[in-house]
Amino acid sequence: MSDNLEKIPFSIEISRIIEVLASQIYPSPLALLRENTQNSYDAILLRKHAGQQFNPLIEITISASQIKVSDNGIGMTKEDLRNHYWRAGSSSKNNPEAKSAGVV
């Protein structure tokens, strides 16, 4: 090996990577809606599995500028958001509790 090898740093164009990942994960806007609706359903299953008494509710609101999916399921902590929701490829549903609750 030569001592004159030039090191070329690795870099990423974040906006392009996000665009590529988004198109692979959510090929259409309906896929994103389906994913968020499934997350709401799973949150309700987890809350029921925890033994809490409540009237399950998922609301989907569509306007000209946004689509909003909300539920009264188990909820997310800041740590859940940081470690799973905002991290591509991560899931908080890969544990025995989630599996026994029947989440996808």
PDB file of N, CA and C in Angstrom:
ATOM      1  N   MET A   1       0.836  -1.184   0.000  1.00  0.00           N
ATOM      2  CA  MET A   1       0.000   0.000   0.000  1.00  0.00           C
ATOM      3  C   MET A   1       0.878   1.244   0.000  1.00  0.00           C
ATOM      4  N   SER A   2       0.373   2.239  -0.630  1.00  0.00           N
ATOM      5  CA  SER A   2       1.115   3.494  -0.736  1.00  0.00           C
ATOM      6  C   SER A   2       0.774   4.408   0.428  1.00  0.00           C
ATOM      7  N   ASP A   3       1.765   5.144   0.908  1.00  0.00           N
ATOM      8  CA  ASP A   3       1.531   6.118   1.971  1.00  0.00           C
ATOM      9  C   ASP A   3       0.881   7.378   1.435  1.00  0.00           C
ATOM     10  N   ASN A   4       0.743   7.476   0.142  1.00  0.00           N
ATOM     11  CA  ASN A   4       0.187   8.679  -0.491  1.00  0.00           C
ATOM     12  C   ASN A   4      -1.312   8.567  -0.739  1.00  0.00           C
ATOM     13  N   LEU A   5      -1.961   7.595  -0.142  1.00  0.00           N
ATOM     14  CA  LEU A   5      -3.394   7.442  -0.363  1.00  0.00           C
ATOM     15  C   LEU A   5      -4.149   8.624   0.227  1.00  0.00           C
ATOM     16  N   GLU A   6      -4.950   9.201  -0.602  1.00  0.00           N
ATOM     17  CA  GLU A   6      -5.762  10.333  -0.146  1.00  0.00           C
ATOM     18  C   GLU A   6      -7.067   9.796   0.430  1.00  0.00           C
ATOM     19  N   LYS A   7      -7.406  10.246   1.591  1.00  0.00           N
ATOM     20  CA  LYS A   7      -8.667   9.846   2.209  1.00  0.00           C
ATOM     21  C   LYS A   7      -9.765  10.756   1.685  1.00  0.00           C
ATOM     22  N   ILE A   8     -10.824  10.132   1.230  1.00  0.00           N
ATOM     23  CA  ILE A   8     -11.974  10.890   0.736  1.00  0.00           C
ATOM     24  C   ILE A   8     -13.084  10.740   1.766  1.00  0.00           C
ATOM     25  N   PRO A   9     -13.493  11.835   2.382  1.00  0.00           N
ATOM     26  CA  PRO A   9     -14.520  11.733   3.432  1.00  0.00           C
ATOM     27  C   PRO A   9     -15.878  11.349   2.854  1.00  0.00           C
ATOM     28  N   PHE A  10     -16.604  10.603   3.643  1.00  0.00           N
ATOM     29  CA  PHE A  10     -17.967  10.220   3.290  1.00  0.00           C
ATOM     30  C   PHE A  10     -18.909  11.323   3.740  1.00  0.00           C
ATOM     31  N   SER A  11     -19.839  11.693   2.880  1.00  0.00           N
ATOM     32  CA  SER A  11     -20.831  12.701   3.261  1.00  0.00           C
ATOM     33  C   SER A  11     -22.188  12.313   2.709  1.00  0.00           C
ATOM     34  N   ILE A  12     -23.201  12.938   3.237  1.00  0.00           N
ATOM     35  CA  ILE A  12     -24.580  12.624   2.859  1.00  0.00           C
ATOM     36  C   ILE A  12     -25.328  13.917   2.579  1.00  0.00           C
ATOM     37  N   GLU A  13     -26.119  13.904   1.529  1.00  0.00           N
ATOM     38  CA  GLU A  13     -27.052  15.004   1.280  1.00  0.00           C
ATOM     39  C   GLU A  13     -28.353  14.620   1.977  1.00  0.00           C
ATOM     40  N   ILE A  14     -28.535  15.149   3.172  1.00  0.00           N
ATOM     41  CA  ILE A  14     -29.648  14.751   4.031  1.00  0.00           C
ATOM     42  C   ILE A  14     -30.999  14.880   3.328  1.00  0.00           C
ATOM     43  N   SER A  15     -31.257  15.998   2.678  1.00  0.00           N
ATOM     44  CA  SER A  15     -32.568  16.188   2.042  1.00  0.00           C
ATOM     45  C   SER A  15     -32.829  15.124   0.984  1.00  0.00           C
ATOM     46  N   ARG A  16     -31.819  14.730   0.251  1.00  0.00           N
ATOM     47  CA  ARG A  16     -31.982  13.700  -0.782  1.00  0.00           C
ATOM     48  C   ARG A  16     -32.186  12.327  -0.153  1.00  0.00           C
ATOM     49  N   ILE A  17     -31.460  12.034   0.903  1.00  0.00           N
ATOM     50  CA  ILE A  17     -31.614  10.749   1.595  1.00  0.00           C
ATOM     51  C   ILE A  17     -33.027  10.620   2.147  1.00  0.00           C
ATOM     52  N   ILE A  18     -33.534  11.679   2.754  1.00  0.00           N
ATOM     53  CA  ILE A  18     -34.894  11.655   3.300  1.00  0.00           C
ATOM     54  C   ILE A  18     -35.900  11.418   2.182  1.00  0.00           C
ATOM     55  N   GLU A  19     -35.713  12.063   1.065  1.00  0.00           N
ATOM     56  CA  GLU A  19     -36.608  11.890  -0.083  1.00  0.00           C
ATOM     57  C   GLU A  19     -36.578  10.440  -0.572  1.00  0.00           C
ATOM     58  N   VAL A  20     -35.390   9.864  -0.687  1.00  0.00           N
ATOM     59  CA  VAL A  20     -35.250   8.480  -1.145  1.00  0.00           C
ATOM     60  C   VAL A  20     -35.888   7.515  -0.153  1.00  0.00           C
ATOM     61  N   LEU A  21     -35.594   7.685   1.135  1.00  0.00           N
ATOM     62  CA  LEU A  21     -36.180   6.813   2.153  1.00  0.00           C
ATOM     63  C   LEU A  21     -37.702   6.925   2.179  1.00  0.00           C
ATOM     64  N   ALA A  22     -38.204   8.144   2.114  1.00  0.00           N
ATOM     65  CA  ALA A  22     -39.648   8.364   2.162  1.00  0.00           C
ATOM     66  C   ALA A  22     -40.338   7.684   0.982  1.00  0.00           C
ATOM     67  N   SER A  23     -39.747   7.769  -0.199  1.00  0.00           N
ATOM     68  CA  SER A  23     -40.372   7.152  -1.364  1.00  0.00           C
ATOM     69  C   SER A  23     -40.350   5.634  -1.267  1.00  0.00           C
ATOM     70  N   GLN A  24     -39.360   5.063  -0.563  1.00  0.00           N
ATOM     71  CA  GLN A  24     -39.298   3.614  -0.388  1.00  0.00           C
ATOM     72  C   GLN A  24     -40.265   3.130   0.696  1.00  0.00           C
ATOM     73  N   ILE A  25     -40.370   3.892   1.769  1.00  0.00           N
ATOM     74  CA  ILE A  25     -41.230   3.498   2.885  1.00  0.00           C
ATOM     75  C   ILE A  25     -42.695   3.806   2.588  1.00  0.00           C
ATOM     76  N   TYR A  26     -42.945   4.977   2.018  1.00  0.00           N
ATOM     77  CA  TYR A  26     -44.309   5.422   1.740  1.00  0.00           C
ATOM     78  C   TYR A  26     -44.439   5.758   0.262  1.00  0.00           C
ATOM     79  N   PRO A  27     -44.692   4.757  -0.591  1.00  0.00           N
ATOM     80  CA  PRO A  27     -44.757   5.010  -2.027  1.00  0.00           C
ATOM     81  C   PRO A  27     -45.920   5.909  -2.439  1.00  0.00           C
ATOM     82  N   SER A  28     -46.889   6.091  -1.556  1.00  0.00           N
ATOM     83  CA  SER A  28     -47.997   7.006  -1.847  1.00  0.00           C
ATOM     84  C   SER A  28     -48.444   7.653  -0.539  1.00  0.00           C
ATOM     85  N   PRO A  29     -49.117   8.801  -0.644  1.00  0.00           N
ATOM     86  CA  PRO A  29     -49.641   9.436   0.580  1.00  0.00           C
ATOM     87  C   PRO A  29     -50.588   8.526   1.357  1.00  0.00           C
ATOM     88  N   LEU A  30     -51.305   7.648   0.667  1.00  0.00           N
ATOM     89  CA  LEU A  30     -52.208   6.731   1.358  1.00  0.00           C
ATOM     90  C   LEU A  30     -51.444   5.732   2.225  1.00  0.00           C
ATOM     91  N   ALA A  31     -50.236   5.368   1.830  1.00  0.00           N
ATOM     92  CA  ALA A  31     -49.426   4.464   2.649  1.00  0.00           C
ATOM     93  C   ALA A  31     -49.062   5.132   3.972  1.00  0.00           C
ATOM     94  N   LEU A  32     -48.748   6.407   3.943  1.00  0.00           N
ATOM     95  CA  LEU A  32     -48.444   7.151   5.169  1.00  0.00           C
ATOM     96  C   LEU A  32     -49.679   7.214   6.071  1.00  0.00           C
ATOM     97  N   LEU A  33     -50.850   7.460   5.491  1.00  0.00           N
ATOM     98  CA  LEU A  33     -52.094   7.478   6.266  1.00  0.00           C
ATOM     99  C   LEU A  33     -52.355   6.106   6.878  1.00  0.00           C
ATOM    100  N   ARG A  34     -52.159   5.056   6.097  1.00  0.00           N
ATOM    101  CA  ARG A  34     -52.366   3.694   6.598  1.00  0.00           C
ATOM    102  C   ARG A  34     -51.424   3.405   7.765  1.00  0.00           C
ATOM    103  N   GLU A  35     -50.153   3.776   7.634  1.00  0.00           N
ATOM    104  CA  GLU A  35     -49.162   3.535   8.683  1.00  0.00           C
ATOM    105  C   GLU A  35     -49.538   4.256   9.977  1.00  0.00           C
ATOM    106  N   ASN A  36     -49.942   5.506   9.874  1.00  0.00           N
ATOM    107  CA  ASN A  36     -50.299   6.267  11.075  1.00  0.00           C
ATOM    108  C   ASN A  36     -51.600   5.764  11.696  1.00  0.00           C
ATOM    109  N   THR A  37     -52.540   5.304  10.874  1.00  0.00           N
ATOM    110  CA  THR A  37     -53.772   4.721  11.406  1.00  0.00           C
ATOM    111  C   THR A  37     -53.459   3.405  12.118  1.00  0.00           C
ATOM    112  N   GLN A  38     -52.556   2.610  11.543  1.00  0.00           N
ATOM    113  CA  GLN A  38     -52.146   1.360  12.190  1.00  0.00           C
ATOM    114  C   GLN A  38     -51.453   1.633  13.518  1.00  0.00           C
ATOM    115  N   ASN A  39     -50.631   2.673  13.570  1.00  0.00           N
ATOM    116  CA  ASN A  39     -49.983   3.044  14.828  1.00  0.00           C
ATOM    117  C   ASN A  39     -51.017   3.405  15.886  1.00  0.00           C
ATOM    118  N   SER A  40     -52.073   4.120  15.495  1.00  0.00           N
ATOM    119  CA  SER A  40     -53.142   4.461  16.445  1.00  0.00           C
ATOM    120  C   SER A  40     -53.836   3.203  16.954  1.00  0.00           C
ATOM    121  N   TYR A  41     -54.135   2.287  16.045  1.00  0.00           N
ATOM    122  CA  TYR A  41     -54.789   1.037  16.433  1.00  0.00           C
ATOM    123  C   TYR A  41     -53.904   0.246  17.402  1.00  0.00           C
ATOM    124  N   ASP A  42     -52.614   0.168  17.086  1.00  0.00           N
ATOM    125  CA  ASP A  42     -51.681  -0.534  17.977  1.00  0.00           C
ATOM    126  C   ASP A  42     -51.625   0.123  19.350  1.00  0.00           C
ATOM    127  N   ALA A  43     -51.662   1.456  19.406  1.00  0.00           N
ATOM    128  CA  ALA A  43     -51.631   2.175  20.688  1.00  0.00           C
ATOM    129  C   ALA A  43     -52.855   1.831  21.529  1.00  0.00           C
ATOM    130  N   ILE A  44     -53.989   1.671  20.867  1.00  0.00           N
ATOM    131  CA  ILE A  44     -55.215   1.284  21.582  1.00  0.00           C
ATOM    132  C   ILE A  44     -55.102  -0.156  22.087  1.00  0.00           C
ATOM    133  N   LEU A  45     -54.575  -1.055  21.251  1.00  0.00           N
ATOM    134  CA  LEU A  45     -54.379  -2.440  21.703  1.00  0.00           C
ATOM    135  C   LEU A  45     -53.458  -2.497  22.915  1.00  0.00           C
ATOM    136  N   LEU A  46     -52.395  -1.713  22.904  1.00  0.00           N
ATOM    137  CA  LEU A  46     -51.464  -1.705  24.034  1.00  0.00           C
ATOM    138  C   LEU A  46     -52.120  -1.166  25.301  1.00  0.00           C
ATOM    139  N   ARG A  47     -52.943  -0.133  25.168  1.00  0.00           N
ATOM    140  CA  ARG A  47     -53.618   0.417  26.352  1.00  0.00           C
ATOM    141  C   ARG A  47     -54.612  -0.602  26.905  1.00  0.00           C
ATOM    142  N   LYS A  48     -55.353  -1.278  26.020  1.00  0.00           N
ATOM    143  CA  LYS A  48     -56.284  -2.310  26.471  1.00  0.00           C
ATOM    144  C   LYS A  48     -55.528  -3.453  27.140  1.00  0.00           C
ATOM    145  N   HIS A  49     -54.395  -3.853  26.558  1.00  0.00           N
ATOM    146  CA  HIS A  49     -53.593  -4.942  27.114  1.00  0.00           C
ATOM    147  C   HIS A  49     -53.061  -4.584  28.503  1.00  0.00           C
ATOM    148  N   ALA A  50     -52.827  -3.299  28.739  1.00  0.00           N
ATOM    149  CA  ALA A  50     -52.363  -2.835  30.054  1.00  0.00           C
ATOM    150  C   ALA A  50     -53.476  -2.874  31.094  1.00  0.00           C
ATOM    151  N   GLY A  51     -54.705  -3.200  30.669  1.00  0.00           N
ATOM    152  CA  GLY A  51     -55.815  -3.344  31.599  1.00  0.00           C
ATOM    153  C   GLY A  51     -56.573  -2.063  31.894  1.00  0.00           C
ATOM    154  N   GLN A  52     -56.310  -1.024  31.145  1.00  0.00           N
ATOM    155  CA  GLN A  52     -56.996   0.250  31.376  1.00  0.00           C
ATOM    156  C   GLN A  52     -58.411   0.202  30.784  1.00  0.00           C
ATOM    157  N   GLN A  53     -59.346   0.759  31.526  1.00  0.00           N
ATOM    158  CA  GLN A  53     -60.726   0.853  31.065  1.00  0.00           C
ATOM    159  C   GLN A  53     -60.924   2.195  30.365  1.00  0.00           C
ATOM    160  N   PHE A  54     -61.350   2.180  29.120  1.00  0.00           N
ATOM    161  CA  PHE A  54     -61.573   3.402  28.355  1.00  0.00           C
ATOM    162  C   PHE A  54     -62.396   3.060  27.118  1.00  0.00           C
ATOM    163  N   ASN A  55     -62.921   4.072  26.471  1.00  0.00           N
ATOM    164  CA  ASN A  55     -63.636   3.901  25.216  1.00  0.00           C
ATOM    165  C   ASN A  55     -62.664   4.200  24.078  1.00  0.00           C
ATOM    166  N   PRO A  56     -62.184   3.159  23.381  1.00  0.00           N
ATOM    167  CA  PRO A  56     -61.198   3.371  22.322  1.00  0.00           C
ATOM    168  C   PRO A  56     -61.707   4.349  21.262  1.00  0.00           C
ATOM    169  N   LEU A  57     -60.798   5.219  20.805  1.00  0.00           N
ATOM    170  CA  LEU A  57     -61.174   6.225  19.821  1.00  0.00           C
ATOM    171  C   LEU A  57     -60.000   6.532  18.897  1.00  0.00           C
ATOM    172  N   ILE A  58     -60.257   6.471  17.596  1.00  0.00           N
ATOM    173  CA  ILE A  58     -59.311   6.936  16.584  1.00  0.00           C
ATOM    174  C   ILE A  58     -60.059   7.960  15.749  1.00  0.00           C
ATOM    175  N   GLU A  59     -59.468   9.136  15.616  1.00  0.00           N
ATOM    176  CA  GLU A  59     -60.065  10.193  14.805  1.00  0.00           C
ATOM    177  C   GLU A  59     -59.131  10.528  13.651  1.00  0.00           C
ATOM    178  N   ILE A  60     -59.692  10.591  12.453  1.00  0.00           N
ATOM    179  CA  ILE A  60     -58.939  11.002  11.270  1.00  0.00           C
ATOM    180  C   ILE A  60     -59.623  12.237  10.714  1.00  0.00           C
ATOM    181  N   THR A  61     -58.867  13.334  10.675  1.00  0.00           N
ATOM    182  CA  THR A  61     -59.386  14.604  10.188  1.00  0.00           C
ATOM    183  C   THR A  61     -58.612  14.983   8.930  1.00  0.00           C
ATOM    184  N   ILE A  62     -59.340  15.272   7.872  1.00  0.00           N
ATOM    185  CA  ILE A  62     -58.707  15.635   6.606  1.00  0.00           C
ATOM    186  C   ILE A  62     -59.174  17.029   6.207  1.00  0.00           C
ATOM    187  N   SER A  63     -58.213  17.909   5.947  1.00  0.00           N
ATOM    188  CA  SER A  63     -58.513  19.257   5.456  1.00  0.00           C
ATOM    189  C   SER A  63     -57.669  19.502   4.210  1.00  0.00           C
ATOM    190  N   ALA A  64     -57.796  20.670   3.643  1.00  0.00           N
ATOM    191  CA  ALA A  64     -57.040  21.003   2.436  1.00  0.00           C
ATOM    192  C   ALA A  64     -55.537  21.037   2.687  1.00  0.00           C
ATOM    193  N   SER A  65     -55.127  21.314   3.918  1.00  0.00           N
ATOM    194  CA  SER A  65     -53.700  21.481   4.189  1.00  0.00           C
ATOM    195  C   SER A  65     -53.071  20.386   5.049  1.00  0.00           C
ATOM    196  N   GLN A  66     -53.873  19.503   5.643  1.00  0.00           N
ATOM    197  CA  GLN A  66     -53.288  18.480   6.510  1.00  0.00           C
ATOM    198  C   GLN A  66     -54.196  17.285   6.697  1.00  0.00           C
ATOM    199  N   ILE A  67     -53.580  16.200   7.106  1.00  0.00           N
ATOM    200  CA  ILE A  67     -54.297  15.004   7.549  1.00  0.00           C
ATOM    201  C   ILE A  67     -53.831  14.739   8.968  1.00  0.00           C
ATOM    202  N   LYS A  68     -54.778  14.600   9.875  1.00  0.00           N
ATOM    203  CA  LYS A  68     -54.443  14.406  11.288  1.00  0.00           C
ATOM    204  C   LYS A  68     -55.047  13.090  11.762  1.00  0.00           C
ATOM    205  N   VAL A  69     -54.199  12.249  12.356  1.00  0.00           N
ATOM    206  CA  VAL A  69     -54.637  10.987  12.941  1.00  0.00           C
ATOM    207  C   VAL A  69     -54.364  11.081  14.434  1.00  0.00           C
ATOM    208  N   SER A  70     -55.393  10.936  15.240  1.00  0.00           N
ATOM    209  CA  SER A  70     -55.209  10.993  16.695  1.00  0.00           C
ATOM    210  C   SER A  70     -55.950   9.824  17.336  1.00  0.00           C
ATOM    211  N   ASP A  71     -55.509   9.465  18.534  1.00  0.00           N
ATOM    212  CA  ASP A  71     -56.125   8.349  19.240  1.00  0.00           C
ATOM    213  C   ASP A  71     -56.008   8.572  20.743  1.00  0.00           C
ATOM    214  N   ASN A  72     -56.675   7.729  21.510  1.00  0.00           N
ATOM    215  CA  ASN A  72     -56.537   7.775  22.964  1.00  0.00           C
ATOM    216  C   ASN A  72     -55.910   6.475  23.469  1.00  0.00           C
ATOM    217  N   GLY A  73     -54.908   6.026  22.724  1.00  0.00           N
ATOM    218  CA  GLY A  73     -54.197   4.804  23.075  1.00  0.00           C
ATOM    219  C   GLY A  73     -53.171   5.028  24.169  1.00  0.00           C
ATOM    220  N   ILE A  74     -52.164   4.189  24.193  1.00  0.00           N
ATOM    221  CA  ILE A  74     -51.177   4.162  25.277  1.00  0.00           C
ATOM    222  C   ILE A  74     -50.341   5.436  25.356  1.00  0.00           C
ATOM    223  N   GLY A  75     -50.142   6.121  24.244  1.00  0.00           N
ATOM    224  CA  GLY A  75     -49.361   7.349  24.233  1.00  0.00           C
ATOM    225  C   GLY A  75     -47.883   7.091  23.995  1.00  0.00           C
ATOM    226  N   MET A  76     -47.137   8.182  23.820  1.00  0.00           N
ATOM    227  CA  MET A  76     -45.692   8.085  23.590  1.00  0.00           C
ATOM    228  C   MET A  76     -44.978   9.059  24.512  1.00  0.00           C
ATOM    229  N   THR A  77     -43.896   8.579  25.082  1.00  0.00           N
ATOM    230  CA  THR A  77     -43.063   9.454  25.893  1.00  0.00           C
ATOM    231  C   THR A  77     -42.084  10.185  24.972  1.00  0.00           C
ATOM    232  N   LYS A  78     -41.381  11.174  25.521  1.00  0.00           N
ATOM    233  CA  LYS A  78     -40.337  11.844  24.742  1.00  0.00           C
ATOM    234  C   LYS A  78     -39.289  10.837  24.290  1.00  0.00           C
ATOM    235  N   GLU A  79     -38.976   9.880  25.153  1.00  0.00           N
ATOM    236  CA  GLU A  79     -37.989   8.857  24.797  1.00  0.00           C
ATOM    237  C   GLU A  79     -38.492   7.982  23.646  1.00  0.00           C
ATOM    238  N   ASP A  80     -39.796   7.631  23.670  1.00  0.00           N
ATOM    239  CA  ASP A  80     -40.378   6.875  22.554  1.00  0.00           C
ATOM    240  C   ASP A  80     -40.221   7.642  21.246  1.00  0.00           C
ATOM    241  N   LEU A  81     -40.554   8.931  21.292  1.00  0.00           N
ATOM    242  CA  LEU A  81     -40.424   9.759  20.089  1.00  0.00           C
ATOM    243  C   LEU A  81     -38.978   9.797  19.615  1.00  0.00           C
ATOM    244  N   ARG A  82     -38.079  10.040  20.537  1.00  0.00           N
ATOM    245  CA  ARG A  82     -36.653  10.169  20.192  1.00  0.00           C
ATOM    246  C   ARG A  82     -36.086   8.856  19.661  1.00  0.00           C
ATOM    247  N   ASN A  83     -36.398   7.749  20.316  1.00  0.00           N
ATOM    248  CA  ASN A  83     -35.775   6.469  19.978  1.00  0.00           C
ATOM    249  C   ASN A  83     -36.467   5.688  18.870  1.00  0.00           C
ATOM    250  N   HIS A  84     -37.746   5.966  18.608  1.00  0.00           N
ATOM    251  CA  HIS A  84     -38.464   5.150  17.640  1.00  0.00           C
ATOM    252  C   HIS A  84     -39.171   5.955  16.553  1.00  0.00           C
ATOM    253  N   TYR A  85     -39.967   6.926  16.952  1.00  0.00           N
ATOM    254  CA  TYR A  85     -40.798   7.610  15.964  1.00  0.00           C
ATOM    255  C   TYR A  85     -39.958   8.424  14.984  1.00  0.00           C
ATOM    256  N   TRP A  86     -38.925   9.092  15.448  1.00  0.00           N
ATOM    257  CA  TRP A  86     -38.090   9.927  14.584  1.00  0.00           C
ATOM    258  C   TRP A  86     -36.829   9.207  14.124  1.00  0.00           C
ATOM    259  N   ARG A  87     -36.770   7.888  14.279  1.00  0.00           N
ATOM    260  CA  ARG A  87     -35.600   7.116  13.839  1.00  0.00           C
ATOM    261  C   ARG A  87     -36.057   6.099  12.795  1.00  0.00           C
ATOM    262  N   ALA A  88     -35.662   6.316  11.558  1.00  0.00           N
ATOM    263  CA  ALA A  88     -36.076   5.447  10.455  1.00  0.00           C
ATOM    264  C   ALA A  88     -35.669   4.005  10.744  1.00  0.00           C
ATOM    265  N   GLY A  89     -36.610   3.094  10.552  1.00  0.00           N
ATOM    266  CA  GLY A  89     -36.330   1.675  10.725  1.00  0.00           C
ATOM    267  C   GLY A  89     -36.499   1.146  12.127  1.00  0.00           C
ATOM    268  N   SER A  90     -36.708   2.027  13.102  1.00  0.00           N
ATOM    269  CA  SER A  90     -36.844   1.594  14.486  1.00  0.00           C
ATOM    270  C   SER A  90     -38.316   1.329  14.810  1.00  0.00           C
ATOM    271  N   SER A  91     -38.541   0.483  15.775  1.00  0.00           N
ATOM    272  CA  SER A  91     -39.905   0.201  16.208  1.00  0.00           C
ATOM    273  C   SER A  91     -39.923  -0.090  17.700  1.00  0.00           C
ATOM    274  N   SER A  92     -40.911   0.450  18.372  1.00  0.00           N
ATOM    275  CA  SER A  92     -41.096   0.152  19.791  1.00  0.00           C
ATOM    276  C   SER A  92     -41.971  -1.085  19.972  1.00  0.00           C
ATOM    277  N   LYS A  93     -42.354  -1.711  18.853  1.00  0.00           N
ATOM    278  CA  LYS A  93     -43.273  -2.845  18.897  1.00  0.00           C
ATOM    279  C   LYS A  93     -42.566  -4.190  18.856  1.00  0.00           C
ATOM    280  N   ASN A  94     -41.250  -4.196  18.944  1.00  0.00           N
ATOM    281  CA  ASN A  94     -40.495  -5.450  18.918  1.00  0.00           C
ATOM    282  C   ASN A  94     -40.173  -5.909  20.325  1.00  0.00           C
ATOM    283  N   ASN A  95     -41.231  -6.196  21.089  1.00  0.00           N
ATOM    284  CA  ASN A  95     -41.031  -6.682  22.450  1.00  0.00           C
ATOM    285  C   ASN A  95     -42.175  -7.642  22.812  1.00  0.00           C
ATOM    286  N   PRO A  96     -41.998  -8.443  23.840  1.00  0.00           N
ATOM    287  CA  PRO A  96     -43.025  -9.423  24.197  1.00  0.00           C
ATOM    288  C   PRO A  96     -44.378  -8.808  24.541  1.00  0.00           C
ATOM    289  N   GLU A  97     -44.369  -7.658  25.208  1.00  0.00           N
ATOM    290  CA  GLU A  97     -45.639  -7.013  25.574  1.00  0.00           C
ATOM    291  C   GLU A  97     -46.442  -6.656  24.337  1.00  0.00           C
ATOM    292  N   ALA A  98     -45.791  -6.029  23.358  1.00  0.00           N
ATOM    293  CA  ALA A  98     -46.475  -5.619  22.128  1.00  0.00           C
ATOM    294  C   ALA A  98     -46.988  -6.843  21.379  1.00  0.00           C
ATOM    295  N   LYS A  99     -46.194  -7.873  21.327  1.00  0.00           N
ATOM    296  CA  LYS A  99     -46.610  -9.097  20.619  1.00  0.00           C
ATOM    297  C   LYS A  99     -47.809  -9.734  21.303  1.00  0.00           C
ATOM    298  N   SER A 100     -47.802  -9.777  22.643  1.00  0.00           N
ATOM    299  CA  SER A 100     -48.936 -10.390  23.349  1.00  0.00           C
ATOM    300  C   SER A 100     -50.190  -9.534  23.250  1.00  0.00           C
ATOM    301  N   ALA A 101     -50.020  -8.209  23.007  1.00  0.00           N
ATOM    302  CA  ALA A 101     -51.181  -7.330  22.826  1.00  0.00           C
ATOM    303  C   ALA A 101     -51.763  -7.474  21.421  1.00  0.00           C
ATOM    304  N   GLY A 102     -50.998  -8.091  20.501  1.00  0.00           N
ATOM    305  CA  GLY A 102     -51.493  -8.310  19.149  1.00  0.00           C
ATOM    306  C   GLY A 102     -51.178  -7.192  18.170  1.00  0.00           C
ATOM    307  N   VAL A 103     -50.203  -6.351  18.501  1.00  0.00           N
ATOM    308  CA  VAL A 103     -49.893  -5.254  17.583  1.00  0.00           C
ATOM    309  C   VAL A 103     -49.146  -5.794  16.368  1.00  0.00           C
ATOM    310  N   VAL A 104     -49.239  -5.049  15.295  1.00  0.00           N
ATOM    311  CA  VAL A 104     -48.608  -5.455  14.030  1.00  0.00           C
ATOM    312  C   VAL A 104     -47.137  -5.103  14.067  1.00  0.00           C
TER     313      VAL A 104
END
